[in-house]
Amino acid sequence: MENILLIDDDLWVLDSARDYLQHVGYDVTTACSGQEGITLIDSGYEYDLVITDIRMPGISGNELAKQIRESDCPHMPIVAMSGFHDAVEQELFDSILQKPFELKYLAKTIKVLIKKAESSDITHEKNR
């Protein structure tokens, strides 16, 4: 079962997305802020993918993505969710979902990105 970290300061979005993703088979950890998300990532628990809102108080989704890209796991897939497409630093993200979106599109995006990451990991292993 893939481990997803879901970060959003809007509790309705957080709860709805978590419930749906758990229903379709993902193990989902939630965080209500960018700082809480960074703390969870730094705790050593391994996530297969991160989904983050962009505009949040304190540490934004863009700042969170920059920290992930500069960390020990720079290739972790990151999905941005935002109602403000122009606020997203697109080069930091593997996919961007414009709010509002249907949760089935989020699940499809996750499936594609995890499959891509897994095949990339296999390629890296073969080349070693």
C-alpha atoms as a PDB file:
ATOM      1  CA  MET A   1       0.000   0.000   0.000  1.00  0.00           C
ATOM      2  CA  GLU A   2       1.418   3.367  -1.022  1.00  0.00           C
ATOM      3  CA  ASN A   3       1.982   6.007   1.653  1.00  0.00           C
ATOM      4  CA  ILE A   4       0.701   9.478   0.811  1.00  0.00           C
ATOM      5  CA  LEU A   5       1.316  12.710   2.730  1.00  0.00           C
ATOM      6  CA  LEU A   6      -1.563  15.146   2.211  1.00  0.00           C
ATOM      7  CA  ILE A   7      -1.092  18.768   3.318  1.00  0.00           C
ATOM      8  CA  ASP A   8      -3.784  21.461   3.314  1.00  0.00           C
ATOM      9  CA  ASP A   9      -4.891  24.104   5.790  1.00  0.00           C
ATOM     10  CA  ASP A  10      -8.534  23.715   4.690  1.00  0.00           C
ATOM     11  CA  LEU A  11      -9.859  20.918   6.915  1.00  0.00           C
ATOM     12  CA  TRP A  12     -12.787  20.159   4.608  1.00  0.00           C
ATOM     13  CA  VAL A  13     -10.422  19.565   1.670  1.00  0.00           C
ATOM     14  CA  LEU A  14      -8.043  17.593   3.897  1.00  0.00           C
ATOM     15  CA  ASP A  15     -10.761  15.321   5.296  1.00  0.00           C
ATOM     16  CA  SER A  16     -12.536  14.802   1.954  1.00  0.00           C
ATOM     17  CA  ALA A  17      -9.351  13.937   0.050  1.00  0.00           C
ATOM     18  CA  ARG A  18      -8.055  11.706   2.872  1.00  0.00           C
ATOM     19  CA  ASP A  19     -11.304   9.761   3.102  1.00  0.00           C
ATOM     20  CA  TYR A  20     -11.490   9.262  -0.664  1.00  0.00           C
ATOM     21  CA  LEU A  21      -7.853   8.214  -1.019  1.00  0.00           C
ATOM     22  CA  GLN A  22      -8.163   5.762   1.865  1.00  0.00           C
ATOM     23  CA  HIS A  23     -11.306   4.377   0.248  1.00  0.00           C
ATOM     24  CA  VAL A  24      -9.390   3.668  -2.996  1.00  0.00           C
ATOM     25  CA  GLY A  25      -6.557   1.956  -1.123  1.00  0.00           C
ATOM     26  CA  TYR A  26      -3.899   4.457  -0.075  1.00  0.00           C
ATOM     27  CA  ASP A  27      -2.399   4.899   3.378  1.00  0.00           C
ATOM     28  CA  VAL A  28      -2.809   8.641   3.990  1.00  0.00           C
ATOM     29  CA  THR A  29      -1.142  10.833   6.595  1.00  0.00           C
ATOM     30  CA  THR A  30      -2.444  14.397   6.871  1.00  0.00           C
ATOM     31  CA  ALA A  31      -0.890  17.677   7.917  1.00  0.00           C
ATOM     32  CA  CYS A  32      -2.684  21.000   8.436  1.00  0.00           C
ATOM     33  CA  SER A  33       0.294  23.211   7.584  1.00  0.00           C
ATOM     34  CA  GLY A  34       3.498  23.267   5.587  1.00  0.00           C
ATOM     35  CA  GLN A  35       5.510  23.195   8.813  1.00  0.00           C
ATOM     36  CA  GLU A  36       3.671  20.116  10.045  1.00  0.00           C
ATOM     37  CA  GLY A  37       4.302  18.478   6.664  1.00  0.00           C
ATOM     38  CA  ILE A  38       8.031  19.186   6.864  1.00  0.00           C
ATOM     39  CA  THR A  39       8.128  17.816  10.404  1.00  0.00           C
ATOM     40  CA  LEU A  40       6.482  14.582   9.215  1.00  0.00           C
ATOM     41  CA  ILE A  41       8.881  14.252   6.282  1.00  0.00           C
ATOM     42  CA  ASP A  42      11.887  14.935   8.541  1.00  0.00           C
ATOM     43  CA  SER A  43      10.668  12.298  11.022  1.00  0.00           C
ATOM     44  CA  GLY A  44      12.087   9.590   8.782  1.00  0.00           C
ATOM     45  CA  TYR A  45       8.785   8.022   7.717  1.00  0.00           C
ATOM     46  CA  GLU A  46       8.965   7.285   4.001  1.00  0.00           C
ATOM     47  CA  TYR A  47       6.210   8.629   1.786  1.00  0.00           C
ATOM     48  CA  ASP A  48       5.673   7.537  -1.793  1.00  0.00           C
ATOM     49  CA  LEU A  49       4.121  10.865  -2.772  1.00  0.00           C
ATOM     50  CA  VAL A  50       3.282  14.276  -1.305  1.00  0.00           C
ATOM     51  CA  ILE A  51       0.177  16.314  -2.132  1.00  0.00           C
ATOM     52  CA  THR A  52       0.199  19.904  -0.972  1.00  0.00           C
ATOM     53  CA  ASP A  53      -1.909  23.004  -1.143  1.00  0.00           C
ATOM     54  CA  ILE A  54       0.058  26.044  -2.300  1.00  0.00           C
ATOM     55  CA  ARG A  55      -1.340  28.964  -0.342  1.00  0.00           C
ATOM     56  CA  MET A  56      -1.071  28.205   3.354  1.00  0.00           C
ATOM     57  CA  PRO A  57      -0.082  30.367   6.315  1.00  0.00           C
ATOM     58  CA  GLY A  58       3.571  30.067   7.286  1.00  0.00           C
ATOM     59  CA  ILE A  59       5.321  27.673   4.945  1.00  0.00           C
ATOM     60  CA  SER A  60       3.666  27.564   1.525  1.00  0.00           C
ATOM     61  CA  GLY A  61       3.417  24.526  -0.713  1.00  0.00           C
ATOM     62  CA  ASN A  62       6.115  26.042  -2.932  1.00  0.00           C
ATOM     63  CA  GLU A  63       8.501  26.360   0.025  1.00  0.00           C
ATOM     64  CA  LEU A  64       7.689  22.825   1.140  1.00  0.00           C
ATOM     65  CA  ALA A  65       8.412  21.479  -2.363  1.00  0.00           C
ATOM     66  CA  LYS A  66      11.748  23.355  -2.455  1.00  0.00           C
ATOM     67  CA  GLN A  67      12.762  21.724   0.828  1.00  0.00           C
ATOM     68  CA  ILE A  68      11.831  18.274  -0.501  1.00  0.00           C
ATOM     69  CA  ARG A  69      13.789  18.876  -3.729  1.00  0.00           C
ATOM     70  CA  GLU A  70      16.847  19.849  -1.641  1.00  0.00           C
ATOM     71  CA  SER A  71      16.473  16.893   0.755  1.00  0.00           C
ATOM     72  CA  ASP A  72      17.525  13.236   0.727  1.00  0.00           C
ATOM     73  CA  CYS A  73      14.467  12.437  -1.394  1.00  0.00           C
ATOM     74  CA  PRO A  74      14.600  14.963  -4.259  1.00  0.00           C
ATOM     75  CA  HIS A  75      12.776  12.693  -6.701  1.00  0.00           C
ATOM     76  CA  MET A  76       9.709  12.116  -4.533  1.00  0.00           C
ATOM     77  CA  PRO A  77       6.612  12.896  -6.603  1.00  0.00           C
ATOM     78  CA  ILE A  78       4.873  16.081  -5.454  1.00  0.00           C
ATOM     79  CA  VAL A  79       1.389  17.164  -6.495  1.00  0.00           C
ATOM     80  CA  ALA A  80       0.297  20.779  -6.068  1.00  0.00           C
ATOM     81  CA  MET A  81      -3.335  21.688  -5.399  1.00  0.00           C
ATOM     82  CA  SER A  82      -4.281  25.305  -5.846  1.00  0.00           C
ATOM     83  CA  GLY A  83      -7.111  27.608  -6.726  1.00  0.00           C
ATOM     84  CA  PHE A  84      -4.436  30.079  -7.839  1.00  0.00           C
ATOM     85  CA  HIS A  85      -2.583  28.474 -10.754  1.00  0.00           C
ATOM     86  CA  ASP A  86      -0.312  31.511 -11.165  1.00  0.00           C
ATOM     87  CA  ALA A  87       0.949  31.063  -7.578  1.00  0.00           C
ATOM     88  CA  VAL A  88       2.452  27.635  -8.325  1.00  0.00           C
ATOM     89  CA  GLU A  89       6.183  27.377  -9.037  1.00  0.00           C
ATOM     90  CA  GLN A  90       5.545  24.756 -11.703  1.00  0.00           C
ATOM     91  CA  GLU A  91       9.109  23.417 -11.983  1.00  0.00           C
ATOM     92  CA  LEU A  92       8.900  22.094  -8.410  1.00  0.00           C
ATOM     93  CA  PHE A  93       5.923  19.821  -9.017  1.00  0.00           C
ATOM     94  CA  ASP A  94       5.261  16.621 -10.934  1.00  0.00           C
ATOM     95  CA  SER A  95       1.611  17.540 -11.363  1.00  0.00           C
ATOM     96  CA  ILE A  96      -0.648  20.497 -10.626  1.00  0.00           C
ATOM     97  CA  LEU A  97      -4.369  20.205  -9.936  1.00  0.00           C
ATOM     98  CA  GLN A  98      -6.486  23.321 -10.221  1.00  0.00           C
ATOM     99  CA  LYS A  99      -9.045  23.557  -7.396  1.00  0.00           C
ATOM    100  CA  PRO A 100     -11.821  22.604  -7.464  1.00  0.00           C
ATOM    101  CA  PHE A 101     -11.184  19.181  -9.006  1.00  0.00           C
ATOM    102  CA  GLU A 102     -12.865  15.801  -8.834  1.00  0.00           C
ATOM    103  CA  LEU A 103     -11.222  13.428  -6.390  1.00  0.00           C
ATOM    104  CA  LYS A 104     -11.098  10.687  -9.023  1.00  0.00           C
ATOM    105  CA  TYR A 105      -8.613  12.870 -10.957  1.00  0.00           C
ATOM    106  CA  LEU A 106      -6.433  13.134  -7.862  1.00  0.00           C
ATOM    107  CA  ALA A 107      -6.444   9.344  -7.489  1.00  0.00           C
ATOM    108  CA  LYS A 108      -5.603   8.892 -11.191  1.00  0.00           C
ATOM    109  CA  THR A 109      -2.749  11.404 -10.920  1.00  0.00           C
ATOM    110  CA  ILE A 110      -1.342   9.580  -7.892  1.00  0.00           C
ATOM    111  CA  LYS A 111      -1.507   6.229  -9.670  1.00  0.00           C
ATOM    112  CA  VAL A 112       0.353   7.554 -12.723  1.00  0.00           C
ATOM    113  CA  LEU A 113       3.052   9.323 -10.694  1.00  0.00           C
ATOM    114  CA  ILE A 114       3.706   6.368  -8.378  1.00  0.00           C
ATOM    115  CA  LYS A 115       3.936   3.990 -11.337  1.00  0.00           C
ATOM    116  CA  LYS A 116       6.361   6.401 -13.047  1.00  0.00           C
ATOM    117  CA  ALA A 117       8.462   6.689  -9.856  1.00  0.00           C
ATOM    118  CA  GLU A 118       8.545   2.905  -9.428  1.00  0.00           C
ATOM    119  CA  SER A 119       9.694   2.335 -13.011  1.00  0.00           C
ATOM    120  CA  SER A 120      12.329   5.036 -12.550  1.00  0.00           C
ATOM    121  CA  ASP A 121      13.561   3.271  -9.389  1.00  0.00           C
ATOM    122  CA  ILE A 122      13.809  -0.014 -11.307  1.00  0.00           C
ATOM    123  CA  THR A 123      15.799   1.693 -14.070  1.00  0.00           C
ATOM    124  CA  HIS A 124      18.178   3.222 -11.507  1.00  0.00           C
ATOM    125  CA  GLU A 125      18.689  -0.191  -9.863  1.00  0.00           C
ATOM    126  CA  LYS A 126      19.487  -1.840 -13.219  1.00  0.00           C
ATOM    127  CA  ASN A 127      22.039   0.852 -14.047  1.00  0.00           C
ATOM    128  CA  ARG A 128      23.996   0.384 -10.801  1.00  0.00           C
END
